[in-house]
Amino acid sequence: LAYNTQGLGMTVGFVLLGLGSAVFAYLLLKSRYVPTFLP
């Protein structure tokens, strides 16, 4: 149960990870600091 609860916490973390990374990638796209295909 404890192990599976940790897995559930990681699941919630994935949602926040995706949202935060999407914002940063959008800003990288607007900045043109790196090739467009990456962001």
Full PDB file with SEQRES, HELIX, SHEET, SSBOND, CRYST1, ORIGX, SCALE, CONECT and MASTER records, all heavy atoms in Angstrom:
SEQRES   1 A   39  LEU ALA TYR ASN THR GLN GLY LEU GLY MET THR VAL GLY          
SEQRES   2 A   39  PHE VAL LEU LEU GLY LEU GLY SER ALA VAL PHE ALA TYR          
SEQRES   3 A   39  LEU LEU LEU LYS SER ARG TYR VAL PRO THR PHE LEU PRO          
HELIX    1 AA1 ALA A    2  SER A   31  1                                  30    
CRYST1    1.000    1.000    1.000  90.00  90.00  90.00 P 1           1          
ORIGX1      1.000000  0.000000  0.000000        0.00000                         
ORIGX2      0.000000  1.000000  0.000000        0.00000                         
ORIGX3      0.000000  0.000000  1.000000        0.00000                         
SCALE1      1.000000  0.000000  0.000000        0.00000                         
SCALE2      0.000000  1.000000  0.000000        0.00000                         
SCALE3      0.000000  0.000000  1.000000        0.00000                         
ATOM      1  N   LEU A   1       0.834  -1.197   0.000  1.00  0.00           N  
ATOM      2  CA  LEU A   1       0.000   0.000   0.000  1.00  0.00           C  
ATOM      3  C   LEU A   1       0.873   1.254   0.000  1.00  0.00           C  
ATOM      4  O   LEU A   1       0.602   2.209  -0.744  1.00  0.00           O  
ATOM      5  CB  LEU A   1      -0.925  -0.001   1.217  1.00  0.00           C  
ATOM      6  CG  LEU A   1      -1.805   1.254   1.389  1.00  0.00           C  
ATOM      7  CD1 LEU A   1      -2.731   1.420   0.183  1.00  0.00           C  
ATOM      8  CD2 LEU A   1      -2.598   1.184   2.687  1.00  0.00           C  
ATOM      9  N   ALA A   2       1.927   1.251   0.820  1.00  0.00           N  
ATOM     10  CA  ALA A   2       2.821   2.411   0.868  1.00  0.00           C  
ATOM     11  C   ALA A   2       3.509   2.613  -0.473  1.00  0.00           C  
ATOM     12  O   ALA A   2       3.619   3.750  -0.962  1.00  0.00           O  
ATOM     13  CB  ALA A   2       3.852   2.216   1.975  1.00  0.00           C  
ATOM     14  N   TYR A   3       3.967   1.522  -1.078  1.00  0.00           N  
ATOM     15  CA  TYR A   3       4.632   1.626  -2.377  1.00  0.00           C  
ATOM     16  C   TYR A   3       3.673   2.161  -3.435  1.00  0.00           C  
ATOM     17  O   TYR A   3       4.025   3.051  -4.232  1.00  0.00           O  
ATOM     18  CB  TYR A   3       5.180   0.275  -2.799  1.00  0.00           C  
ATOM     19  CG  TYR A   3       5.663   0.256  -4.228  1.00  0.00           C  
ATOM     20  CD1 TYR A   3       6.846   0.886  -4.596  1.00  0.00           C  
ATOM     21  CD2 TYR A   3       4.903  -0.361  -5.228  1.00  0.00           C  
ATOM     22  CE1 TYR A   3       7.273   0.896  -5.916  1.00  0.00           C  
ATOM     23  CE2 TYR A   3       5.327  -0.355  -6.545  1.00  0.00           C  
ATOM     24  CZ  TYR A   3       6.505   0.273  -6.893  1.00  0.00           C  
ATOM     25  OH  TYR A   3       6.921   0.291  -8.192  1.00  0.00           O  
ATOM     26  N   ASN A   4       2.465   1.632  -3.461  1.00  0.00           N  
ATOM     27  CA  ASN A   4       1.477   2.071  -4.456  1.00  0.00           C  
ATOM     28  C   ASN A   4       1.070   3.526  -4.223  1.00  0.00           C  
ATOM     29  O   ASN A   4       0.766   4.254  -5.173  1.00  0.00           O  
ATOM     30  CB  ASN A   4       0.253   1.158  -4.427  1.00  0.00           C  
ATOM     31  CG  ASN A   4       0.544  -0.221  -5.007  1.00  0.00           C  
ATOM     32  OD1 ASN A   4       1.347  -0.353  -5.925  1.00  0.00           O  
ATOM     33  ND2 ASN A   4      -0.087  -1.250  -4.469  1.00  0.00           N  
ATOM     34  N   THR A   5       1.043   3.945  -2.963  1.00  0.00           N  
ATOM     35  CA  THR A   5       0.723   5.343  -2.660  1.00  0.00           C  
ATOM     36  C   THR A   5       1.794   6.267  -3.219  1.00  0.00           C  
ATOM     37  O   THR A   5       1.499   7.352  -3.736  1.00  0.00           O  
ATOM     38  CB  THR A   5       0.584   5.551  -1.145  1.00  0.00           C  
ATOM     39  OG1 THR A   5      -0.463   4.707  -0.648  1.00  0.00           O  
ATOM     40  CG2 THR A   5       0.253   7.003  -0.813  1.00  0.00           C  
ATOM     41  N   GLN A   6       3.043   5.826  -3.148  1.00  0.00           N  
ATOM     42  CA  GLN A   6       4.112   6.624  -3.753  1.00  0.00           C  
ATOM     43  C   GLN A   6       3.898   6.734  -5.263  1.00  0.00           C  
ATOM     44  O   GLN A   6       4.096   7.805  -5.849  1.00  0.00           O  
ATOM     45  CB  GLN A   6       5.470   6.007  -3.468  1.00  0.00           C  
ATOM     46  CG  GLN A   6       6.627   6.788  -4.085  1.00  0.00           C  
ATOM     47  CD  GLN A   6       7.990   6.315  -3.600  1.00  0.00           C  
ATOM     48  OE1 GLN A   6       8.083   5.540  -2.652  1.00  0.00           O  
ATOM     49  NE2 GLN A   6       9.039   6.781  -4.234  1.00  0.00           N  
ATOM     50  N   GLY A   7       3.473   5.643  -5.870  1.00  0.00           N  
ATOM     51  CA  GLY A   7       3.185   5.677  -7.299  1.00  0.00           C  
ATOM     52  C   GLY A   7       2.070   6.640  -7.654  1.00  0.00           C  
ATOM     53  O   GLY A   7       2.132   7.338  -8.673  1.00  0.00           O  
ATOM     54  N   LEU A   8       1.057   6.719  -6.794  1.00  0.00           N  
ATOM     55  CA  LEU A   8      -0.037   7.663  -7.026  1.00  0.00           C  
ATOM     56  C   LEU A   8       0.466   9.106  -6.938  1.00  0.00           C  
ATOM     57  O   LEU A   8       0.039   9.979  -7.706  1.00  0.00           O  
ATOM     58  CB  LEU A   8      -1.157   7.425  -6.011  1.00  0.00           C  
ATOM     59  CG  LEU A   8      -1.878   6.076  -6.114  1.00  0.00           C  
ATOM     60  CD1 LEU A   8      -2.866   5.915  -4.962  1.00  0.00           C  
ATOM     61  CD2 LEU A   8      -2.603   5.950  -7.451  1.00  0.00           C  
ATOM     62  N   GLY A   9       1.377   9.358  -5.998  1.00  0.00           N  
ATOM     63  CA  GLY A   9       1.969  10.688  -5.890  1.00  0.00           C  
ATOM     64  C   GLY A   9       2.748  11.049  -7.138  1.00  0.00           C  
ATOM     65  O   GLY A   9       2.688  12.193  -7.623  1.00  0.00           O  
ATOM     66  N   MET A  10       3.460  10.080  -7.687  1.00  0.00           N  
ATOM     67  CA  MET A  10       4.208  10.339  -8.918  1.00  0.00           C  
ATOM     68  C   MET A  10       3.267  10.633 -10.083  1.00  0.00           C  
ATOM     69  O   MET A  10       3.577  11.455 -10.952  1.00  0.00           O  
ATOM     70  CB  MET A  10       5.100   9.135  -9.238  1.00  0.00           C  
ATOM     71  CG  MET A  10       6.220   8.914  -8.235  1.00  0.00           C  
ATOM     72  SD  MET A  10       7.236   7.463  -8.607  1.00  0.00           S  
ATOM     73  CE  MET A  10       8.039   7.992 -10.122  1.00  0.00           C  
ATOM     74  N   THR A  11       2.099   9.970 -10.085  1.00  0.00           N  
ATOM     75  CA  THR A  11       1.111  10.226 -11.129  1.00  0.00           C  
ATOM     76  C   THR A  11       0.663  11.680 -11.098  1.00  0.00           C  
ATOM     77  O   THR A  11       0.588  12.349 -12.142  1.00  0.00           O  
ATOM     78  CB  THR A  11      -0.106   9.300 -10.943  1.00  0.00           C  
ATOM     79  OG1 THR A  11       0.314   7.937 -11.098  1.00  0.00           O  
ATOM     80  CG2 THR A  11      -1.179   9.606 -11.975  1.00  0.00           C  
ATOM     81  N   VAL A  12       0.361  12.183  -9.902  1.00  0.00           N  
ATOM     82  CA  VAL A  12      -0.018  13.596  -9.769  1.00  0.00           C  
ATOM     83  C   VAL A  12       1.144  14.492 -10.214  1.00  0.00           C  
ATOM     84  O   VAL A  12       0.954  15.507 -10.897  1.00  0.00           O  
ATOM     85  CB  VAL A  12      -0.420  13.917  -8.317  1.00  0.00           C  
ATOM     86  CG1 VAL A  12      -0.671  15.415  -8.140  1.00  0.00           C  
ATOM     87  CG2 VAL A  12      -1.657  13.122  -7.917  1.00  0.00           C  
ATOM     88  N   GLY A  13       2.360  14.105  -9.849  1.00  0.00           N  
ATOM     89  CA  GLY A  13       3.536  14.876 -10.240  1.00  0.00           C  
ATOM     90  C   GLY A  13       3.708  14.952 -11.745  1.00  0.00           C  
ATOM     91  O   GLY A  13       4.133  15.985 -12.277  1.00  0.00           O  
ATOM     92  N   PHE A  14       3.356  13.875 -12.469  1.00  0.00           N  
ATOM     93  CA  PHE A  14       3.480  13.874 -13.930  1.00  0.00           C  
ATOM     94  C   PHE A  14       2.602  14.958 -14.557  1.00  0.00           C  
ATOM     95  O   PHE A  14       2.985  15.578 -15.551  1.00  0.00           O  
ATOM     96  CB  PHE A  14       3.096  12.510 -14.502  1.00  0.00           C  
ATOM     97  CG  PHE A  14       4.104  11.428 -14.248  1.00  0.00           C  
ATOM     98  CD1 PHE A  14       3.704  10.105 -14.131  1.00  0.00           C  
ATOM     99  CD2 PHE A  14       5.451  11.731 -14.128  1.00  0.00           C  
ATOM    100  CE1 PHE A  14       4.628   9.102 -13.894  1.00  0.00           C  
ATOM    101  CE2 PHE A  14       6.390  10.730 -13.884  1.00  0.00           C  
ATOM    102  CZ  PHE A  14       5.974   9.412 -13.773  1.00  0.00           C  
ATOM    103  N   VAL A  15       1.418  15.161 -13.999  1.00  0.00           N  
ATOM    104  CA  VAL A  15       0.523  16.190 -14.538  1.00  0.00           C  
ATOM    105  C   VAL A  15       1.174  17.567 -14.400  1.00  0.00           C  
ATOM    106  O   VAL A  15       1.229  18.354 -15.356  1.00  0.00           O  
ATOM    107  CB  VAL A  15      -0.843  16.168 -13.826  1.00  0.00           C  
ATOM    108  CG1 VAL A  15      -1.731  17.300 -14.340  1.00  0.00           C  
ATOM    109  CG2 VAL A  15      -1.533  14.823 -14.027  1.00  0.00           C  
ATOM    110  N   LEU A  16       1.688  17.855 -13.212  1.00  0.00           N  
ATOM    111  CA  LEU A  16       2.326  19.150 -12.966  1.00  0.00           C  
ATOM    112  C   LEU A  16       3.611  19.301 -13.776  1.00  0.00           C  
ATOM    113  O   LEU A  16       3.918  20.393 -14.284  1.00  0.00           O  
ATOM    114  CB  LEU A  16       2.608  19.305 -11.473  1.00  0.00           C  
ATOM    115  CG  LEU A  16       1.363  19.312 -10.578  1.00  0.00           C  
ATOM    116  CD1 LEU A  16       1.755  19.191  -9.105  1.00  0.00           C  
ATOM    117  CD2 LEU A  16       0.543  20.573 -10.812  1.00  0.00           C  
ATOM    118  N   LEU A  17       4.354  18.203 -13.914  1.00  0.00           N  
ATOM    119  CA  LEU A  17       5.560  18.217 -14.743  1.00  0.00           C  
ATOM    120  C   LEU A  17       5.221  18.580 -16.178  1.00  0.00           C  
ATOM    121  O   LEU A  17       5.886  19.423 -16.804  1.00  0.00           O  
ATOM    122  CB  LEU A  17       6.233  16.845 -14.693  1.00  0.00           C  
ATOM    123  CG  LEU A  17       7.265  16.510 -15.777  1.00  0.00           C  
ATOM    124  CD1 LEU A  17       8.444  17.464 -15.714  1.00  0.00           C  
ATOM    125  CD2 LEU A  17       7.740  15.069 -15.634  1.00  0.00           C  
ATOM    126  N   GLY A  18       4.174  17.962 -16.714  1.00  0.00           N  
ATOM    127  CA  GLY A  18       3.788  18.236 -18.090  1.00  0.00           C  
ATOM    128  C   GLY A  18       3.369  19.678 -18.301  1.00  0.00           C  
ATOM    129  O   GLY A  18       3.759  20.318 -19.282  1.00  0.00           O  
ATOM    130  N   LEU A  19       2.589  20.218 -17.374  1.00  0.00           N  
ATOM    131  CA  LEU A  19       2.121  21.594 -17.511  1.00  0.00           C  
ATOM    132  C   LEU A  19       3.280  22.590 -17.426  1.00  0.00           C  
ATOM    133  O   LEU A  19       3.373  23.527 -18.227  1.00  0.00           O  
ATOM    134  CB  LEU A  19       1.076  21.896 -16.437  1.00  0.00           C  
ATOM    135  CG  LEU A  19      -0.238  21.112 -16.542  1.00  0.00           C  
ATOM    136  CD1 LEU A  19      -1.138  21.412 -15.352  1.00  0.00           C  
ATOM    137  CD2 LEU A  19      -0.957  21.428 -17.851  1.00  0.00           C  
ATOM    138  N   GLY A  20       4.159  22.394 -16.443  1.00  0.00           N  
ATOM    139  CA  GLY A  20       5.304  23.292 -16.304  1.00  0.00           C  
ATOM    140  C   GLY A  20       6.229  23.233 -17.495  1.00  0.00           C  
ATOM    141  O   GLY A  20       6.696  24.267 -18.005  1.00  0.00           O  
ATOM    142  N   SER A  21       6.494  22.027 -17.979  1.00  0.00           N  
ATOM    143  CA  SER A  21       7.384  21.871 -19.128  1.00  0.00           C  
ATOM    144  C   SER A  21       6.771  22.459 -20.393  1.00  0.00           C  
ATOM    145  O   SER A  21       7.489  22.988 -21.252  1.00  0.00           O  
ATOM    146  CB  SER A  21       7.706  20.388 -19.340  1.00  0.00           C  
ATOM    147  OG  SER A  21       8.427  19.868 -18.239  1.00  0.00           O  
ATOM    148  N   ALA A  22       5.448  22.360 -20.522  1.00  0.00           N  
ATOM    149  CA  ALA A  22       4.781  22.938 -21.689  1.00  0.00           C  
ATOM    150  C   ALA A  22       4.946  24.456 -21.710  1.00  0.00           C  
ATOM    151  O   ALA A  22       5.183  25.057 -22.771  1.00  0.00           O  
ATOM    152  CB  ALA A  22       3.295  22.568 -21.686  1.00  0.00           C  
ATOM    153  N   VAL A  23       4.841  25.088 -20.552  1.00  0.00           N  
ATOM    154  CA  VAL A  23       5.016  26.542 -20.468  1.00  0.00           C  
ATOM    155  C   VAL A  23       6.449  26.923 -20.856  1.00  0.00           C  
ATOM    156  O   VAL A  23       6.666  27.847 -21.659  1.00  0.00           O  
ATOM    157  CB  VAL A  23       4.689  27.056 -19.051  1.00  0.00           C  
ATOM    158  CG1 VAL A  23       5.053  28.537 -18.923  1.00  0.00           C  
ATOM    159  CG2 VAL A  23       3.214  26.853 -18.731  1.00  0.00           C  
ATOM    160  N   PHE A  24       7.420  26.222 -20.295  1.00  0.00           N  
ATOM    161  CA  PHE A  24       8.816  26.525 -20.615  1.00  0.00           C  
ATOM    162  C   PHE A  24       9.106  26.290 -22.101  1.00  0.00           C  
ATOM    163  O   PHE A  24       9.818  27.067 -22.738  1.00  0.00           O  
ATOM    164  CB  PHE A  24       9.753  25.678 -19.758  1.00  0.00           C  
ATOM    165  CG  PHE A  24       9.866  26.147 -18.336  1.00  0.00           C  
ATOM    166  CD1 PHE A  24      10.063  25.231 -17.305  1.00  0.00           C  
ATOM    167  CD2 PHE A  24       9.797  27.484 -18.001  1.00  0.00           C  
ATOM    168  CE1 PHE A  24      10.184  25.649 -15.980  1.00  0.00           C  
ATOM    169  CE2 PHE A  24       9.912  27.924 -16.690  1.00  0.00           C  
ATOM    170  CZ  PHE A  24      10.105  26.996 -15.682  1.00  0.00           C  
ATOM    171  N   ALA A  25       8.571  25.197 -22.661  1.00  0.00           N  
ATOM    172  CA  ALA A  25       8.804  24.900 -24.075  1.00  0.00           C  
ATOM    173  C   ALA A  25       8.170  25.973 -24.960  1.00  0.00           C  
ATOM    174  O   ALA A  25       8.741  26.357 -25.993  1.00  0.00           O  
ATOM    175  CB  ALA A  25       8.238  23.519 -24.424  1.00  0.00           C  
ATOM    176  N   TYR A  26       6.996  26.465 -24.578  1.00  0.00           N  
ATOM    177  CA  TYR A  26       6.352  27.539 -25.334  1.00  0.00           C  
ATOM    178  C   TYR A  26       7.242  28.781 -25.350  1.00  0.00           C  
ATOM    179  O   TYR A  26       7.411  29.428 -26.400  1.00  0.00           O  
ATOM    180  CB  TYR A  26       4.997  27.866 -24.717  1.00  0.00           C  
ATOM    181  CG  TYR A  26       4.380  29.136 -25.255  1.00  0.00           C  
ATOM    182  CD1 TYR A  26       3.798  29.181 -26.522  1.00  0.00           C  
ATOM    183  CD2 TYR A  26       4.409  30.305 -24.493  1.00  0.00           C  
ATOM    184  CE1 TYR A  26       3.257  30.364 -27.021  1.00  0.00           C  
ATOM    185  CE2 TYR A  26       3.858  31.488 -24.985  1.00  0.00           C  
ATOM    186  CZ  TYR A  26       3.282  31.510 -26.240  1.00  0.00           C  
ATOM    187  OH  TYR A  26       2.750  32.680 -26.723  1.00  0.00           O  
ATOM    188  N   LEU A  27       7.805  29.130 -24.204  1.00  0.00           N  
ATOM    189  CA  LEU A  27       8.677  30.303 -24.140  1.00  0.00           C  
ATOM    190  C   LEU A  27       9.950  30.089 -24.961  1.00  0.00           C  
ATOM    191  O   LEU A  27      10.464  31.020 -25.583  1.00  0.00           O  
ATOM    192  CB  LEU A  27       9.022  30.626 -22.688  1.00  0.00           C  
ATOM    193  CG  LEU A  27       7.859  31.153 -21.843  1.00  0.00           C  
ATOM    194  CD1 LEU A  27       8.308  31.390 -20.402  1.00  0.00           C  
ATOM    195  CD2 LEU A  27       7.292  32.433 -22.440  1.00  0.00           C  
ATOM    196  N   LEU A  28      10.463  28.868 -24.972  1.00  0.00           N  
ATOM    197  CA  LEU A  28      11.622  28.572 -25.824  1.00  0.00           C  
ATOM    198  C   LEU A  28      11.266  28.747 -27.288  1.00  0.00           C  
ATOM    199  O   LEU A  28      12.075  29.239 -28.086  1.00  0.00           O  
ATOM    200  CB  LEU A  28      12.100  27.136 -25.568  1.00  0.00           C  
ATOM    201  CG  LEU A  28      13.032  26.907 -24.391  1.00  0.00           C  
ATOM    202  CD1 LEU A  28      13.308  25.410 -24.228  1.00  0.00           C  
ATOM    203  CD2 LEU A  28      14.349  27.655 -24.556  1.00  0.00           C  
ATOM    204  N   LEU A  29      10.055  28.345 -27.669  1.00  0.00           N  
ATOM    205  CA  LEU A  29       9.613  28.504 -29.047  1.00  0.00           C  
ATOM    206  C   LEU A  29       9.538  29.979 -29.425  1.00  0.00           C  
ATOM    207  O   LEU A  29       9.985  30.384 -30.503  1.00  0.00           O  
ATOM    208  CB  LEU A  29       8.240  27.840 -29.230  1.00  0.00           C  
ATOM    209  CG  LEU A  29       7.613  27.961 -30.624  1.00  0.00           C  
ATOM    210  CD1 LEU A  29       8.475  27.268 -31.668  1.00  0.00           C  
ATOM    211  CD2 LEU A  29       6.205  27.380 -30.623  1.00  0.00           C  
ATOM    212  N   LYS A  30       8.980  30.795 -28.532  1.00  0.00           N  
ATOM    213  CA  LYS A  30       8.860  32.224 -28.804  1.00  0.00           C  
ATOM    214  C   LYS A  30      10.224  32.922 -28.827  1.00  0.00           C  
ATOM    215  O   LYS A  30      10.426  33.879 -29.563  1.00  0.00           O  
ATOM    216  CB  LYS A  30       7.957  32.888 -27.761  1.00  0.00           C  
ATOM    217  CG  LYS A  30       6.547  32.326 -27.689  1.00  0.00           C  
ATOM    218  CD  LYS A  30       5.779  32.482 -28.985  1.00  0.00           C  
ATOM    219  CE  LYS A  30       5.403  33.910 -29.275  1.00  0.00           C  
ATOM    220  NZ  LYS A  30       4.536  34.026 -30.476  1.00  0.00           N  
ATOM    221  N   SER A  31      11.136  32.416 -28.031  1.00  0.00           N  
ATOM    222  CA  SER A  31      12.445  33.081 -27.928  1.00  0.00           C  
ATOM    223  C   SER A  31      13.348  32.825 -29.123  1.00  0.00           C  
ATOM    224  O   SER A  31      14.201  33.634 -29.451  1.00  0.00           O  
ATOM    225  CB  SER A  31      13.158  32.603 -26.654  1.00  0.00           C  
ATOM    226  OG  SER A  31      13.595  31.259 -26.793  1.00  0.00           O  
ATOM    227  N   ARG A  32      13.189  31.665 -29.759  1.00  0.00           N  
ATOM    228  CA  ARG A  32      14.076  31.212 -30.836  1.00  0.00           C  
ATOM    229  C   ARG A  32      15.511  31.035 -30.353  1.00  0.00           C  
ATOM    230  O   ARG A  32      16.450  31.140 -31.130  1.00  0.00           O  
ATOM    231  CB  ARG A  32      14.040  32.183 -32.039  1.00  0.00           C  
ATOM    232  CG  ARG A  32      12.651  32.417 -32.626  1.00  0.00           C  
ATOM    233  CD  ARG A  32      11.994  31.116 -33.080  1.00  0.00           C  
ATOM    234  NE  ARG A  32      10.884  31.358 -34.002  1.00  0.00           N  
ATOM    235  CZ  ARG A  32       9.614  31.533 -33.634  1.00  0.00           C  
ATOM    236  NH1 ARG A  32       9.304  31.507 -32.347  1.00  0.00           N  
ATOM    237  NH2 ARG A  32       8.671  31.723 -34.541  1.00  0.00           N  
ATOM    238  N   TYR A  33      15.675  30.760 -29.073  1.00  0.00           N  
ATOM    239  CA  TYR A  33      17.017  30.514 -28.537  1.00  0.00           C  
ATOM    240  C   TYR A  33      17.584  29.186 -29.033  1.00  0.00           C  
ATOM    241  O   TYR A  33      18.803  28.984 -29.025  1.00  0.00           O  
ATOM    242  CB  TYR A  33      16.996  30.494 -27.012  1.00  0.00           C  
ATOM    243  CG  TYR A  33      16.776  31.836 -26.351  1.00  0.00           C  
ATOM    244  CD1 TYR A  33      16.237  31.908 -25.066  1.00  0.00           C  
ATOM    245  CD2 TYR A  33      17.121  33.026 -26.983  1.00  0.00           C  
ATOM    246  CE1 TYR A  33      16.036  33.138 -24.444  1.00  0.00           C  
ATOM    247  CE2 TYR A  33      16.926  34.249 -26.376  1.00  0.00           C  
ATOM    248  CZ  TYR A  33      16.375  34.302 -25.097  1.00  0.00           C  
ATOM    249  OH  TYR A  33      16.175  35.511 -24.480  1.00  0.00           O  
ATOM    250  N   VAL A  34      16.701  28.248 -29.385  1.00  0.00           N  
ATOM    251  CA  VAL A  34      17.107  26.930 -29.864  1.00  0.00           C  
ATOM    252  C   VAL A  34      16.320  26.633 -31.136  1.00  0.00           C  
ATOM    253  O   VAL A  34      15.321  27.305 -31.422  1.00  0.00           O  
ATOM    254  CB  VAL A  34      16.845  25.831 -28.804  1.00  0.00           C  
ATOM    255  CG1 VAL A  34      17.689  26.061 -27.561  1.00  0.00           C  
ATOM    256  CG2 VAL A  34      15.369  25.761 -28.443  1.00  0.00           C  
ATOM    257  N   PRO A  35      16.735  25.650 -31.926  1.00  0.00           N  
ATOM    258  CA  PRO A  35      15.991  25.313 -33.144  1.00  0.00           C  
ATOM    259  C   PRO A  35      14.521  25.024 -32.845  1.00  0.00           C  
ATOM    260  O   PRO A  35      14.188  24.397 -31.840  1.00  0.00           O  
ATOM    261  CB  PRO A  35      16.716  24.070 -33.663  1.00  0.00           C  
ATOM    262  CG  PRO A  35      18.110  24.208 -33.147  1.00  0.00           C  
ATOM    263  CD  PRO A  35      17.965  24.850 -31.801  1.00  0.00           C  
ATOM    264  N   THR A  36      13.658  25.437 -33.745  1.00  0.00           N  
ATOM    265  CA  THR A  36      12.214  25.380 -33.523  1.00  0.00           C  
ATOM    266  C   THR A  36      11.707  23.973 -33.226  1.00  0.00           C  
ATOM    267  O   THR A  36      10.769  23.791 -32.435  1.00  0.00           O  
ATOM    268  CB  THR A  36      11.474  25.947 -34.756  1.00  0.00           C  
ATOM    269  OG1 THR A  36      11.913  27.290 -34.977  1.00  0.00           O  
ATOM    270  CG2 THR A  36       9.974  25.932 -34.544  1.00  0.00           C  
ATOM    271  N   PHE A  37      12.301  22.954 -33.862  1.00  0.00           N  
ATOM    272  CA  PHE A  37      11.764  21.606 -33.700  1.00  0.00           C  
ATOM    273  C   PHE A  37      11.850  21.118 -32.252  1.00  0.00           C  
ATOM    274  O   PHE A  37      11.008  20.310 -31.821  1.00  0.00           O  
ATOM    275  CB  PHE A  37      12.483  20.623 -34.630  1.00  0.00           C  
ATOM    276  CG  PHE A  37      13.873  20.246 -34.196  1.00  0.00           C  
ATOM    277  CD1 PHE A  37      14.087  19.142 -33.371  1.00  0.00           C  
ATOM    278  CD2 PHE A  37      14.979  20.988 -34.610  1.00  0.00           C  
ATOM    279  CE1 PHE A  37      15.371  18.782 -32.980  1.00  0.00           C  
ATOM    280  CE2 PHE A  37      16.254  20.646 -34.210  1.00  0.00           C  
ATOM    281  CZ  PHE A  37      16.459  19.544 -33.396  1.00  0.00           C  
ATOM    282  N   LEU A  38      12.824  21.614 -31.493  1.00  0.00           N  
ATOM    283  CA  LEU A  38      12.966  21.162 -30.108  1.00  0.00           C  
ATOM    284  C   LEU A  38      11.807  21.625 -29.227  1.00  0.00           C  
ATOM    285  O   LEU A  38      11.160  20.805 -28.569  1.00  0.00           O  
ATOM    286  CB  LEU A  38      14.312  21.616 -29.540  1.00  0.00           C  
ATOM    287  CG  LEU A  38      15.534  20.783 -29.937  1.00  0.00           C  
ATOM    288  CD1 LEU A  38      16.820  21.466 -29.476  1.00  0.00           C  
ATOM    289  CD2 LEU A  38      15.435  19.380 -29.344  1.00  0.00           C  
ATOM    290  N   PRO A  39      11.493  22.928 -29.164  1.00  0.00           N  
ATOM    291  CA  PRO A  39      10.356  23.329 -28.336  1.00  0.00           C  
ATOM    292  C   PRO A  39       9.017  22.818 -28.843  1.00  0.00           C  
ATOM    293  O   PRO A  39       8.106  22.584 -28.046  1.00  0.00           O  
ATOM    294  CB  PRO A  39      10.421  24.861 -28.347  1.00  0.00           C  
ATOM    295  CG  PRO A  39      11.270  25.221 -29.504  1.00  0.00           C  
ATOM    296  CD  PRO A  39      12.236  24.100 -29.671  1.00  0.00           C  
TER     297      PRO A  39                                                      
MASTER        0    0    0    1    0    0    0    6  296    1    0    3          
END                                                                             
